[in-house]
Amino acid sequence: MGDLMTGVLEARQRYQRARAEAAEHVDRYRACLGLAIREARAAGGPGAQTSVMSALKLSREQVRAFEQAYTDWLRDHDGEDPRTPVAAELTACV
């Protein structure tokens, strides 16, 4: 039973590690979307937010939440651009 339980514990550790990595990827891509929205709004003038909302079928609050995710990313990652890949297999926002 000891070997079986060791296998269970190792599988659980792999699962937890995969969940943490997936959450990191989601956070990065959410920040990338927020950055893209911010750039589109900056370039698009007064009606840009409405255009973004329509294109993404999101509410104003949802659009702002993505922009906030970008701001939070910058704060939490010392200003690192979320589009900068952190690993060879990750090609965020490119």
N, C-alpha and C. Protein backbone atom coordinates (compact mmCIF):
# COMPACT_ATOMS: atom_id res chain seq x y z
N MET A 1 0.82 -1.19 0.00
CA MET A 1 0.00 0.00 0.00
C MET A 1 0.87 1.26 0.00
N GLY A 2 2.08 1.19 0.58
CA GLY A 2 2.98 2.34 0.66
C GLY A 2 3.34 2.88 -0.71
N ASP A 3 3.69 1.99 -1.66
CA ASP A 3 4.05 2.42 -3.01
C ASP A 3 2.86 3.06 -3.71
N LEU A 4 1.68 2.50 -3.49
CA LEU A 4 0.48 3.06 -4.10
C LEU A 4 0.20 4.46 -3.56
N MET A 5 0.36 4.63 -2.26
CA MET A 5 0.10 5.94 -1.66
C MET A 5 1.15 6.95 -2.13
N THR A 6 2.39 6.51 -2.29
CA THR A 6 3.42 7.39 -2.83
C THR A 6 3.03 7.86 -4.23
N GLY A 7 2.50 6.95 -5.03
CA GLY A 7 2.04 7.30 -6.37
C GLY A 7 0.91 8.31 -6.33
N VAL A 8 0.01 8.13 -5.39
CA VAL A 8 -1.12 9.07 -5.23
C VAL A 8 -0.60 10.45 -4.86
N LEU A 9 0.31 10.50 -3.91
CA LEU A 9 0.85 11.79 -3.46
C LEU A 9 1.64 12.49 -4.57
N GLU A 10 2.40 11.73 -5.33
CA GLU A 10 3.15 12.31 -6.45
C GLU A 10 2.21 12.82 -7.53
N ALA A 11 1.15 12.07 -7.81
CA ALA A 11 0.17 12.51 -8.80
C ALA A 11 -0.51 13.80 -8.35
N ARG A 12 -0.80 13.87 -7.06
CA ARG A 12 -1.42 15.09 -6.54
C ARG A 12 -0.49 16.28 -6.68
N GLN A 13 0.78 16.09 -6.40
CA GLN A 13 1.75 17.19 -6.54
C GLN A 13 1.83 17.66 -7.99
N ARG A 14 1.83 16.73 -8.94
CA ARG A 14 1.86 17.10 -10.36
C ARG A 14 0.59 17.87 -10.73
N TYR A 15 -0.53 17.42 -10.24
CA TYR A 15 -1.81 18.09 -10.49
C TYR A 15 -1.78 19.52 -9.95
N GLN A 16 -1.34 19.70 -8.71
CA GLN A 16 -1.30 21.01 -8.10
C GLN A 16 -0.32 21.93 -8.83
N ARG A 17 0.80 21.40 -9.26
CA ARG A 17 1.77 22.18 -10.02
C ARG A 17 1.18 22.62 -11.36
N ALA A 18 0.46 21.73 -12.02
CA ALA A 18 -0.18 22.06 -13.30
C ALA A 18 -1.24 23.14 -13.12
N ARG A 19 -2.01 23.05 -12.05
CA ARG A 19 -3.02 24.09 -11.79
C ARG A 19 -2.37 25.45 -11.56
N ALA A 20 -1.28 25.48 -10.82
CA ALA A 20 -0.58 26.74 -10.56
C ALA A 20 -0.02 27.32 -11.86
N GLU A 21 0.56 26.47 -12.68
CA GLU A 21 1.11 26.93 -13.96
C GLU A 21 -0.01 27.45 -14.87
N ALA A 22 -1.13 26.76 -14.89
CA ALA A 22 -2.26 27.20 -15.71
C ALA A 22 -2.77 28.55 -15.24
N ALA A 23 -2.84 28.75 -13.93
CA ALA A 23 -3.29 30.03 -13.40
C ALA A 23 -2.34 31.15 -13.80
N GLU A 24 -1.04 30.87 -13.81
CA GLU A 24 -0.05 31.86 -14.23
C GLU A 24 -0.25 32.23 -15.70
N HIS A 25 -0.52 31.24 -16.52
CA HIS A 25 -0.76 31.49 -17.94
C HIS A 25 -2.02 32.33 -18.13
N VAL A 26 -3.08 31.99 -17.42
CA VAL A 26 -4.34 32.74 -17.52
C VAL A 26 -4.11 34.19 -17.10
N ASP A 27 -3.39 34.40 -16.02
CA ASP A 27 -3.11 35.76 -15.56
C ASP A 27 -2.34 36.55 -16.62
N ARG A 28 -1.37 35.90 -17.24
CA ARG A 28 -0.56 36.57 -18.27
C ARG A 28 -1.44 36.94 -19.47
N TYR A 29 -2.24 36.00 -19.95
CA TYR A 29 -3.09 36.28 -21.11
C TYR A 29 -4.17 37.30 -20.79
N ARG A 30 -4.68 37.30 -19.57
CA ARG A 30 -5.67 38.31 -19.16
C ARG A 30 -5.01 39.69 -19.20
N ALA A 31 -3.78 39.77 -18.72
CA ALA A 31 -3.05 41.04 -18.76
C ALA A 31 -2.78 41.46 -20.20
N CYS A 32 -2.47 40.52 -21.06
CA CYS A 32 -2.25 40.82 -22.48
C CYS A 32 -3.52 41.40 -23.11
N LEU A 33 -4.65 40.82 -22.79
CA LEU A 33 -5.91 41.34 -23.31
C LEU A 33 -6.15 42.75 -22.78
N GLY A 34 -5.89 42.97 -21.52
CA GLY A 34 -6.05 44.31 -20.96
C GLY A 34 -5.15 45.32 -21.64
N LEU A 35 -3.92 44.92 -21.93
CA LEU A 35 -3.00 45.80 -22.64
C LEU A 35 -3.49 46.10 -24.05
N ALA A 36 -3.96 45.08 -24.75
CA ALA A 36 -4.48 45.27 -26.11
C ALA A 36 -5.68 46.21 -26.10
N ILE A 37 -6.55 46.06 -25.13
CA ILE A 37 -7.71 46.94 -25.00
C ILE A 37 -7.24 48.37 -24.75
N ARG A 38 -6.30 48.52 -23.83
CA ARG A 38 -5.80 49.86 -23.51
C ARG A 38 -5.17 50.51 -24.73
N GLU A 39 -4.40 49.75 -25.49
CA GLU A 39 -3.77 50.30 -26.70
C GLU A 39 -4.82 50.67 -27.74
N ALA A 40 -5.84 49.85 -27.90
CA ALA A 40 -6.91 50.15 -28.87
C ALA A 40 -7.67 51.40 -28.45
N ARG A 41 -7.92 51.53 -27.19
CA ARG A 41 -8.64 52.72 -26.71
C ARG A 41 -7.80 53.97 -26.89
N ALA A 42 -6.49 53.87 -26.63
CA ALA A 42 -5.61 55.03 -26.77
C ALA A 42 -5.52 55.48 -28.23
N ALA A 43 -5.50 54.53 -29.13
CA ALA A 43 -5.36 54.85 -30.55
C ALA A 43 -6.69 55.23 -31.20
N GLY A 44 -7.78 54.77 -30.61
CA GLY A 44 -9.07 54.91 -31.26
C GLY A 44 -9.88 56.14 -30.93
N GLY A 45 -9.46 56.91 -29.98
CA GLY A 45 -10.20 58.12 -29.66
C GLY A 45 -11.43 57.87 -28.80
N PRO A 46 -12.34 58.85 -28.81
CA PRO A 46 -13.48 58.84 -27.88
C PRO A 46 -14.40 57.62 -27.98
N GLY A 47 -14.65 57.09 -29.16
CA GLY A 47 -15.59 55.97 -29.28
C GLY A 47 -14.95 54.60 -29.18
N ALA A 48 -13.67 54.57 -28.84
CA ALA A 48 -12.94 53.30 -28.86
C ALA A 48 -13.46 52.30 -27.83
N GLN A 49 -13.81 52.76 -26.64
CA GLN A 49 -14.28 51.82 -25.63
C GLN A 49 -15.56 51.14 -26.07
N THR A 50 -16.45 51.89 -26.67
CA THR A 50 -17.69 51.31 -27.18
C THR A 50 -17.40 50.31 -28.28
N SER A 51 -16.44 50.63 -29.14
CA SER A 51 -16.06 49.70 -30.21
C SER A 51 -15.50 48.40 -29.64
N VAL A 52 -14.65 48.53 -28.62
CA VAL A 52 -14.07 47.34 -27.97
C VAL A 52 -15.18 46.52 -27.33
N MET A 53 -16.07 47.18 -26.63
CA MET A 53 -17.17 46.49 -25.97
C MET A 53 -18.00 45.72 -26.99
N SER A 54 -18.30 46.34 -28.10
CA SER A 54 -19.11 45.70 -29.14
C SER A 54 -18.38 44.52 -29.76
N ALA A 55 -17.11 44.72 -30.08
CA ALA A 55 -16.34 43.66 -30.73
C ALA A 55 -16.20 42.43 -29.84
N LEU A 56 -16.02 42.66 -28.55
CA LEU A 56 -15.81 41.55 -27.62
C LEU A 56 -17.10 41.06 -26.96
N LYS A 57 -18.19 41.80 -27.21
CA LYS A 57 -19.48 41.48 -26.58
C LYS A 57 -19.33 41.44 -25.05
N LEU A 58 -18.71 42.51 -24.53
CA LEU A 58 -18.49 42.64 -23.10
C LEU A 58 -19.12 43.93 -22.61
N SER A 59 -19.40 43.95 -21.32
CA SER A 59 -19.90 45.18 -20.70
C SER A 59 -18.72 46.11 -20.42
N ARG A 60 -19.05 47.35 -20.12
CA ARG A 60 -18.02 48.34 -19.77
C ARG A 60 -17.20 47.85 -18.56
N GLU A 61 -17.89 47.27 -17.58
CA GLU A 61 -17.20 46.78 -16.38
C GLU A 61 -16.24 45.64 -16.71
N GLN A 62 -16.65 44.75 -17.62
CA GLN A 62 -15.78 43.64 -18.01
C GLN A 62 -14.53 44.15 -18.73
N VAL A 63 -14.72 45.12 -19.62
CA VAL A 63 -13.58 45.72 -20.32
C VAL A 63 -12.63 46.36 -19.32
N ARG A 64 -13.18 47.09 -18.39
CA ARG A 64 -12.34 47.73 -17.37
C ARG A 64 -11.64 46.71 -16.50
N ALA A 65 -12.28 45.58 -16.24
CA ALA A 65 -11.65 44.52 -15.44
C ALA A 65 -10.42 43.97 -16.14
N PHE A 66 -10.48 43.82 -17.46
CA PHE A 66 -9.31 43.35 -18.20
C PHE A 66 -8.20 44.40 -18.17
N GLU A 67 -8.58 45.66 -18.30
CA GLU A 67 -7.57 46.71 -18.21
C GLU A 67 -6.94 46.74 -16.81
N GLN A 68 -7.75 46.51 -15.80
CA GLN A 68 -7.23 46.46 -14.43
C GLN A 68 -6.30 45.27 -14.26
N ALA A 69 -6.60 44.17 -14.92
CA ALA A 69 -5.72 43.00 -14.85
C ALA A 69 -4.33 43.35 -15.38
N TYR A 70 -4.29 44.17 -16.43
CA TYR A 70 -3.00 44.61 -16.96
C TYR A 70 -2.27 45.49 -15.93
N THR A 71 -2.99 46.42 -15.33
CA THR A 71 -2.40 47.28 -14.31
C THR A 71 -1.88 46.45 -13.14
N ASP A 72 -2.68 45.48 -12.72
CA ASP A 72 -2.27 44.60 -11.62
C ASP A 72 -1.03 43.80 -12.00
N TRP A 73 -0.98 43.33 -13.25
CA TRP A 73 0.18 42.57 -13.73
C TRP A 73 1.44 43.42 -13.59
N LEU A 74 1.37 44.66 -14.07
CA LEU A 74 2.54 45.54 -13.99
C LEU A 74 3.00 45.71 -12.55
N ARG A 75 2.05 45.92 -11.66
CA ARG A 75 2.37 46.09 -10.24
C ARG A 75 3.01 44.83 -9.66
N ASP A 76 2.43 43.69 -9.98
CA ASP A 76 2.87 42.43 -9.37
C ASP A 76 4.13 41.85 -10.00
N HIS A 77 4.50 42.34 -11.19
CA HIS A 77 5.65 41.79 -11.91
C HIS A 77 6.68 42.86 -12.25
N ASP A 78 6.78 43.86 -11.38
CA ASP A 78 7.80 44.91 -11.51
C ASP A 78 7.84 45.53 -12.90
N GLY A 79 6.68 45.79 -13.48
CA GLY A 79 6.61 46.47 -14.76
C GLY A 79 6.90 45.60 -15.98
N GLU A 80 7.02 44.31 -15.78
CA GLU A 80 7.30 43.39 -16.89
C GLU A 80 6.14 43.39 -17.89
N ASP A 81 6.47 43.50 -19.15
CA ASP A 81 5.46 43.43 -20.21
C ASP A 81 4.91 42.00 -20.25
N PRO A 82 3.60 41.82 -20.15
CA PRO A 82 3.05 40.45 -20.15
C PRO A 82 3.26 39.72 -21.47
N ARG A 83 3.60 40.48 -22.52
CA ARG A 83 3.83 39.84 -23.82
C ARG A 83 5.19 39.17 -23.89
N THR A 84 6.04 39.39 -22.88
CA THR A 84 7.35 38.77 -22.85
C THR A 84 7.21 37.32 -22.43
N PRO A 85 7.55 36.39 -23.32
CA PRO A 85 7.42 34.97 -22.95
C PRO A 85 8.35 34.61 -21.79
N VAL A 86 7.83 33.79 -20.90
CA VAL A 86 8.62 33.36 -19.75
C VAL A 86 9.23 31.98 -19.97
N ALA A 87 8.77 31.28 -20.99
CA ALA A 87 9.30 29.96 -21.28
C ALA A 87 9.20 29.73 -22.79
N ALA A 88 9.99 28.82 -23.28
CA ALA A 88 10.02 28.56 -24.72
C ALA A 88 8.65 28.15 -25.25
N GLU A 89 7.87 27.43 -24.46
CA GLU A 89 6.57 26.95 -24.93
C GLU A 89 5.49 28.02 -24.83
N LEU A 90 5.77 29.13 -24.18
CA LEU A 90 4.78 30.18 -24.01
C LEU A 90 5.04 31.30 -24.99
N THR A 91 4.10 31.56 -25.84
CA THR A 91 4.20 32.69 -26.76
C THR A 91 3.02 33.61 -26.51
N ALA A 92 3.05 34.26 -25.37
CA ALA A 92 1.94 35.10 -24.93
C ALA A 92 1.74 36.29 -25.85
N CYS A 93 0.51 36.47 -26.26
CA CYS A 93 0.08 37.68 -26.96
C CYS A 93 0.84 37.96 -28.24
N VAL A 94 1.44 36.99 -28.84
CA VAL A 94 2.16 37.26 -30.09
C VAL A 94 1.59 36.44 -31.21
